């Protein structure tokens, strides 16, 4: 049975898959390029398969996923997310066991799906947002980076204090939370800027989803049911595309990597790909797709210590306001 000795190797592999480059992955991780290359080679030896196809003479040392790499990337995000959550969960468990002295610290739960975090934060990471909010508040901040459909369920159960979420319904409900819409984005065809799809689509201004001839032979990637993308675009794909030509993944980073690698195309909201230089976006016709509406929400009035939590919601809104104005 194959085993993986070093979790860091998985992190490096995911960076290469997401950025499409060993050089860019090394820069992002602040290590040397050989360090990243050796990490991927260790994984390949352990798993007995080639995970990354290297393009030796490509600008920036481009790399694309092999079928084995595609199989692995479907799991790495979930594995690393679980590992990254452990310190916070252990710390929370420790605080529960510790004796209480004076007024207890407020723990804020912030909901921010991956697509929306990229739109609102740009190059800033979710961890950086948590640090920013923690610096302005007297409390701990935990950011829930989950799909909007899952987050909507948590909002309905009043398990999240504040954050941002997407919906595709005309009149969504948010369990009584205070909300306001900050963006409305169309769905369109996302495809690699270089490769077979780009060549086939050259010269087009829009893509007709009712054109069976144009759709024939295309592979589509879509997200799992945790994301509103699945509700909006996945339903169309599953009703019009042969199941053998559909790839379903569990996170946005993997979906973008698959599209950027030219393995498949996808129907995505414009906001999901506008900052990714590897992916082109084309408006679609021939089908009625909803818009991807982004809302900021505040459910602190329904949460314990509502008056104290309101300061957290106000600080979050200030941060988002600065991002939108910048």
Protein backbone atom coordinates (compact mmCIF):
# COMPACT_ATOMS: atom_id res chain seq x y z
CA UNK A 1 0.00 0.00 0.00
CA UNK A 2 1.41 3.41 -1.01
CA UNK A 3 2.00 5.95 1.74
CA UNK A 4 2.93 9.64 1.73
CA UNK A 5 5.68 10.61 4.16
CA UNK A 6 5.51 14.39 3.95
CA UNK A 7 2.34 16.50 3.89
CA UNK A 8 4.43 19.37 2.54
CA UNK A 9 4.89 17.35 -0.66
CA UNK A 10 1.11 17.42 -1.14
CA UNK A 11 1.08 21.19 -0.59
CA UNK A 12 3.76 21.69 -3.24
CA UNK A 13 1.91 19.40 -5.66
CA UNK A 14 -1.31 21.36 -5.18
CA UNK A 15 0.50 24.64 -5.81
CA UNK A 16 1.95 23.31 -9.08
CA UNK A 17 -1.51 22.08 -10.13
CA UNK A 18 -3.15 25.39 -9.28
CA UNK A 19 -0.48 27.66 -10.80
CA UNK A 20 0.52 25.42 -13.72
CA UNK A 21 4.20 26.08 -13.11
CA UNK A 22 6.99 24.70 -10.93
CA UNK A 23 8.65 28.12 -10.95
CA UNK A 24 5.51 29.95 -9.84
CA UNK A 25 4.78 27.31 -7.21
CA UNK A 26 8.28 27.71 -5.78
CA UNK A 27 7.87 31.50 -5.70
CA UNK A 28 4.50 31.22 -3.96
CA UNK A 29 5.94 28.84 -1.35
CA UNK A 30 9.17 30.85 -1.03
CA UNK A 31 11.38 27.85 -1.70
CA UNK A 32 13.69 26.89 -4.55
CA UNK A 33 12.32 25.36 -7.74
CA UNK A 34 14.28 22.10 -7.20
CA UNK A 35 12.60 21.74 -3.79
CA UNK A 36 9.17 21.72 -5.45
CA UNK A 37 10.34 19.43 -8.25
CA UNK A 38 11.81 16.92 -5.79
CA UNK A 39 8.59 16.96 -3.73
CA UNK A 40 6.51 16.04 -6.78
CA UNK A 41 9.01 13.35 -7.77
CA UNK A 42 8.74 11.84 -4.26
CA UNK A 43 4.97 11.67 -4.61
CA UNK A 44 5.31 10.06 -8.02
CA UNK A 45 7.68 7.43 -6.68
CA UNK A 46 5.41 6.71 -3.72
CA UNK A 47 2.26 6.46 -5.83
CA UNK A 48 3.92 4.74 -8.77
CA UNK A 49 2.56 7.12 -11.37
CA UNK A 50 3.49 10.30 -13.24
CA UNK A 51 1.41 13.13 -11.79
CA UNK A 52 2.68 16.16 -13.71
CA UNK A 53 3.61 16.44 -17.37
CA UNK A 54 6.60 18.76 -17.61
CA UNK A 55 7.02 21.08 -20.58
CA UNK A 56 10.76 21.61 -20.48
CA UNK A 57 10.91 24.54 -22.88
CA UNK A 58 7.69 26.29 -21.91
CA UNK A 59 7.83 29.80 -20.52
CA UNK A 60 7.90 29.67 -16.75
CA UNK A 61 8.30 25.91 -16.67
CA UNK A 62 4.64 25.12 -17.37
CA UNK A 63 3.20 21.84 -16.14
CA UNK A 64 -0.10 20.07 -16.72
CA UNK A 65 -1.85 17.33 -14.79
CA UNK A 66 -1.76 13.75 -16.05
CA UNK A 67 -4.83 11.51 -15.45
CA UNK A 68 -3.11 10.24 -12.28
CA UNK A 69 -2.44 13.82 -11.20
CA UNK A 70 -6.08 14.65 -11.83
CA UNK A 71 -7.11 11.73 -9.61
CA UNK A 72 -4.82 12.96 -6.80
CA UNK A 73 -5.80 16.65 -7.00
CA UNK A 74 -9.42 15.68 -6.37
CA UNK A 75 -8.38 14.66 -2.85
CA UNK A 76 -5.53 16.96 -1.86
CA UNK A 77 -7.62 20.05 -1.09
CA UNK A 78 -9.85 18.11 1.31
CA UNK A 79 -6.87 16.40 2.97
CA UNK A 80 -4.95 19.64 3.49
CA UNK A 81 -8.05 21.49 4.67
CA UNK A 82 -8.66 18.89 7.38
CA UNK A 83 -5.03 19.08 8.52
CA UNK A 84 -5.09 22.89 8.58
CA UNK A 85 -8.19 22.85 10.75
CA UNK A 86 -6.62 20.66 13.43
CA UNK A 87 -4.70 23.38 15.34
CA UNK A 88 -7.82 25.54 15.70
CA UNK A 89 -9.97 22.62 16.79
CA UNK A 90 -7.36 21.47 19.31
CA UNK A 91 -6.99 25.04 20.59
CA UNK A 92 -10.75 25.36 20.98
CA UNK A 93 -10.85 22.07 22.83
CA UNK A 94 -8.10 23.34 25.15
CA UNK A 95 -9.99 26.53 25.85
CA UNK A 96 -13.10 24.55 26.73
CA UNK A 97 -11.12 22.61 29.32
CA UNK A 98 -9.39 25.66 30.77
CA UNK A 99 -10.86 27.47 33.76
CA UNK A 100 -12.75 30.65 32.90
CA UNK A 101 -11.37 33.84 34.40
CA UNK A 102 -13.42 36.97 33.94
CA UNK A 103 -15.28 37.64 30.71
CA UNK A 104 -14.68 35.01 28.07
CA UNK A 105 -13.24 35.81 24.65
CA UNK A 106 -15.70 35.93 21.76
CA UNK A 107 -15.02 33.49 18.92
CA UNK A 108 -16.27 34.81 15.58
CA UNK A 109 -17.28 32.47 12.76
CA UNK A 110 -16.92 34.08 9.33
CA UNK A 111 -18.32 32.48 6.18
CA UNK A 112 -16.43 33.16 2.95
CA UNK A 113 -16.62 30.75 -0.02
CA UNK A 114 -13.44 30.36 -2.11
CA UNK A 115 -14.83 32.08 -5.22
CA UNK A 116 -16.01 35.09 -3.24
CA UNK A 117 -12.81 35.35 -1.23
CA UNK A 118 -10.83 35.67 -4.48
CA UNK A 119 -13.22 38.39 -5.64
CA UNK A 120 -13.19 40.37 -2.38
CA UNK A 121 -9.62 39.82 -1.20
CA UNK A 122 -7.66 39.68 -4.44
CA UNK A 123 -4.16 38.44 -3.66
CA UNK A 124 -4.74 38.55 0.10
CA UNK A 125 -5.28 35.17 1.71
CA UNK A 126 -8.12 34.11 3.98
CA UNK A 127 -5.56 33.72 6.79
CA UNK A 128 -4.56 37.35 6.27
CA UNK A 129 -8.21 38.41 6.52
CA UNK A 130 -8.54 36.48 9.78
CA UNK A 131 -5.43 38.22 11.12
CA UNK A 132 -6.79 41.62 10.04
CA UNK A 133 -10.10 41.02 11.82
CA UNK A 134 -8.41 39.53 14.88
CA UNK A 135 -6.26 42.66 15.12
CA UNK A 136 -9.36 44.85 15.18
CA UNK A 137 -11.42 42.69 17.54
CA UNK A 138 -11.09 41.31 21.02
CA UNK A 139 -11.65 37.72 19.99
CA UNK A 140 -10.72 34.76 17.84
CA UNK A 141 -11.69 34.63 14.16
CA UNK A 142 -12.31 31.39 12.27
CA UNK A 143 -13.04 31.68 8.55
CA UNK A 144 -15.24 28.96 7.05
CA UNK A 145 -14.05 28.60 3.44
CA UNK A 146 -16.83 26.35 2.12
CA UNK A 147 -19.12 26.40 -0.90
CA UNK A 148 -22.08 28.77 -0.87
CA UNK A 149 -24.73 26.02 -0.81
CA UNK A 150 -23.18 24.52 2.30
CA UNK A 151 -22.70 27.98 3.82
CA UNK A 152 -26.34 28.87 3.17
CA UNK A 153 -27.36 25.83 5.22
CA UNK A 154 -25.08 26.98 8.06
CA UNK A 155 -26.60 30.48 7.90
CA UNK A 156 -30.10 28.97 8.11
CA UNK A 157 -28.98 27.11 11.27
CA UNK A 158 -27.45 30.33 12.68
CA UNK A 159 -23.98 28.77 12.91
CA UNK A 160 -22.11 31.67 11.25
CA UNK A 161 -21.83 35.26 12.51
CA UNK A 162 -21.20 37.17 9.30
CA UNK A 163 -19.51 36.93 5.92
CA UNK A 164 -20.33 36.79 2.22
CA UNK A 165 -22.25 34.19 0.25
CA UNK A 166 -23.54 33.61 -3.28
CA UNK A 167 -27.02 32.66 -4.43
CA UNK A 168 -28.63 32.06 -7.81
CA UNK A 169 -32.30 32.25 -6.81
CA UNK A 170 -34.30 35.36 -7.64
CA UNK A 171 -35.37 35.82 -4.00
CA UNK A 172 -33.03 33.83 -1.74
CA UNK A 173 -33.67 33.40 1.96
CA UNK A 174 -30.95 33.70 4.58
CA UNK A 175 -32.61 32.49 7.77
CA UNK A 176 -33.45 36.01 8.86
CA UNK A 177 -29.88 37.31 8.57
CA UNK A 178 -29.40 40.92 7.47
CA UNK A 179 -28.10 40.90 3.87
CA UNK A 180 -27.35 43.15 0.94
CA UNK A 181 -26.18 42.33 -2.57
CA UNK A 182 -22.78 43.65 -3.61
CA UNK A 183 -22.33 42.05 -7.04
CA UNK A 184 -24.19 40.22 -9.79
CA UNK A 185 -22.09 38.18 -12.24
CA UNK A 186 -23.04 36.22 -15.37
CA UNK A 187 -22.20 32.59 -16.06
CA UNK A 188 -20.16 31.83 -19.15
CA UNK A 189 -17.80 29.33 -20.74
CA UNK A 190 -14.41 29.09 -19.01
CA UNK A 191 -11.58 27.49 -21.02
CA UNK A 192 -7.79 27.41 -21.23
CA UNK A 193 -6.28 30.36 -23.09
CA UNK A 194 -3.96 27.96 -24.90
CA UNK A 195 -4.92 24.58 -26.28
CA UNK A 196 -7.58 22.77 -28.29
CA UNK A 197 -10.56 24.63 -26.80
CA UNK A 198 -9.00 28.03 -27.51
CA UNK A 199 -8.32 27.00 -31.11
CA UNK A 200 -11.87 25.69 -31.58
CA UNK A 201 -13.37 28.87 -30.12
CA UNK A 202 -11.11 31.31 -31.96
CA UNK A 203 -13.05 34.13 -33.58
CA UNK A 204 -16.21 33.61 -31.55
CA UNK A 205 -17.66 36.39 -29.42
CA UNK A 206 -20.20 34.12 -27.70
CA UNK A 207 -20.75 30.37 -27.34
CA UNK A 208 -24.16 28.90 -28.20
CA UNK A 209 -25.06 26.21 -25.67
CA UNK A 210 -27.86 25.01 -27.93
CA UNK A 211 -25.39 24.22 -30.73
CA UNK A 212 -25.05 20.46 -30.41
CA UNK A 213 -22.34 20.31 -33.06
CA UNK A 214 -20.15 22.81 -31.18
CA UNK A 215 -20.76 21.00 -27.87
CA UNK A 216 -19.94 17.56 -29.25
CA UNK A 217 -16.64 16.21 -28.00
CA UNK A 218 -16.25 18.80 -25.25
CA UNK A 219 -15.48 17.60 -21.74
CA UNK A 220 -16.97 19.64 -18.91
CA UNK A 221 -15.86 19.97 -15.32
CA UNK A 222 -18.34 20.97 -12.62
CA UNK A 223 -18.45 21.38 -8.86
CA UNK A 224 -20.08 19.23 -6.21
CA UNK A 225 -23.39 20.10 -4.56
CA UNK A 226 -21.65 22.22 -1.88
CA UNK A 227 -21.47 25.04 -4.43
CA UNK A 228 -24.24 27.12 -6.03
CA UNK A 229 -22.31 26.68 -9.29
CA UNK A 230 -23.59 23.11 -9.28
CA UNK A 231 -27.19 24.26 -8.93
CA UNK A 232 -26.87 26.88 -11.65
CA UNK A 233 -24.55 25.35 -14.23
CA UNK A 234 -24.22 21.73 -13.14
CA UNK A 235 -27.89 21.02 -13.75
CA UNK A 236 -27.58 22.24 -17.34
CA UNK A 237 -24.39 20.27 -17.94
CA UNK A 238 -25.82 17.03 -16.57
CA UNK A 239 -28.94 17.34 -18.73
CA UNK A 240 -27.08 18.12 -21.97
CA UNK A 241 -23.68 16.39 -21.73
CA UNK A 242 -22.87 12.68 -21.82
CA UNK A 243 -22.00 11.59 -18.26
CA UNK A 244 -18.71 10.14 -19.50
CA UNK A 245 -17.68 13.67 -20.55
CA UNK A 246 -18.34 15.21 -17.12
CA UNK A 247 -15.75 15.57 -14.35
CA UNK A 248 -17.09 16.50 -10.91
CA UNK A 249 -14.68 17.97 -8.35
CA UNK A 250 -15.01 19.15 -4.77
CA UNK A 251 -13.24 22.52 -4.80
CA UNK A 252 -12.85 25.59 -6.98
CA UNK A 253 -9.04 25.44 -7.16
CA UNK A 254 -9.17 21.97 -8.68
CA UNK A 255 -11.82 23.03 -11.17
CA UNK A 256 -9.70 25.96 -12.30
CA UNK A 257 -6.61 23.74 -12.57
CA UNK A 258 -8.45 21.27 -14.78
CA UNK A 259 -9.74 24.04 -17.03
CA UNK A 260 -6.33 25.75 -17.21
CA UNK A 261 -4.70 22.43 -18.11
CA UNK A 262 -7.01 22.07 -21.10
CA UNK A 263 -8.48 18.82 -19.79
CA UNK A 264 -12.02 20.22 -19.79
CA UNK A 265 -14.05 23.42 -20.03
CA UNK A 266 -16.58 24.65 -17.51
CA UNK A 267 -19.57 26.90 -16.99
CA UNK A 268 -18.45 29.35 -14.32
CA UNK A 269 -19.43 32.75 -13.00
CA UNK A 270 -17.21 35.47 -14.43
CA UNK A 271 -16.03 36.41 -10.94
CA UNK A 272 -14.60 32.92 -10.46
CA UNK A 273 -12.01 33.25 -13.22
CA UNK A 274 -11.45 36.95 -13.83
CA UNK A 275 -8.21 36.99 -11.80
CA UNK A 276 -6.82 33.78 -13.34
CA UNK A 277 -4.54 34.66 -16.23
CA UNK A 278 -4.59 31.08 -17.54
CA UNK A 279 -8.34 30.99 -18.21
CA UNK A 280 -10.47 32.76 -20.82
CA UNK A 281 -14.15 33.58 -20.33
CA UNK A 282 -16.76 33.70 -23.09
CA UNK A 283 -20.40 34.81 -22.74
CA UNK A 284 -22.95 32.11 -23.59
CA UNK A 285 -26.27 32.07 -25.43
CA UNK A 286 -28.82 29.36 -26.14
CA UNK A 287 -29.68 28.62 -22.51
CA UNK A 288 -31.22 30.50 -19.63
CA UNK A 289 -28.70 30.56 -16.80
CA UNK A 290 -29.16 32.56 -13.59
CA UNK A 291 -26.77 35.22 -12.37
CA UNK A 292 -24.25 34.58 -9.62
CA UNK A 293 -25.29 37.11 -6.98
CA UNK A 294 -22.91 37.92 -4.11
CA UNK A 295 -24.34 39.04 -0.77
CA UNK A 296 -22.77 40.22 2.46
CA UNK A 297 -24.68 38.89 5.48
CA UNK A 298 -24.81 39.64 9.21
CA UNK A 299 -26.46 37.12 11.52
CA UNK A 300 -24.97 38.39 14.79
CA UNK A 301 -28.38 39.38 16.28
CA UNK A 302 -29.36 35.70 16.45
CA UNK A 303 -26.06 34.54 17.96
CA UNK A 304 -24.92 34.34 21.60
CA UNK A 305 -23.36 37.58 22.92
CA UNK A 306 -25.05 39.44 20.06
CA UNK A 307 -24.09 42.91 21.28
CA UNK A 308 -20.40 41.98 21.48
CA UNK A 309 -20.44 40.13 18.16
CA UNK A 310 -21.86 43.17 16.37
CA UNK A 311 -18.42 44.79 16.57
CA UNK A 312 -17.06 41.89 14.52
CA UNK A 313 -19.71 42.30 11.84
CA UNK A 314 -19.00 46.03 11.63
CA UNK A 315 -15.25 45.41 11.29
CA UNK A 316 -15.85 42.83 8.56
CA UNK A 317 -18.08 45.23 6.63
CA UNK A 318 -15.41 47.92 6.92
CA UNK A 319 -12.78 45.55 5.48
CA UNK A 320 -15.06 44.55 2.59
CA UNK A 321 -15.99 48.17 1.95
CA UNK A 322 -12.32 49.09 1.64
CA UNK A 323 -11.74 46.21 -0.80
CA UNK A 324 -14.65 47.23 -3.01
CA UNK A 325 -13.61 50.88 -2.98
CA UNK A 326 -9.95 50.10 -3.69
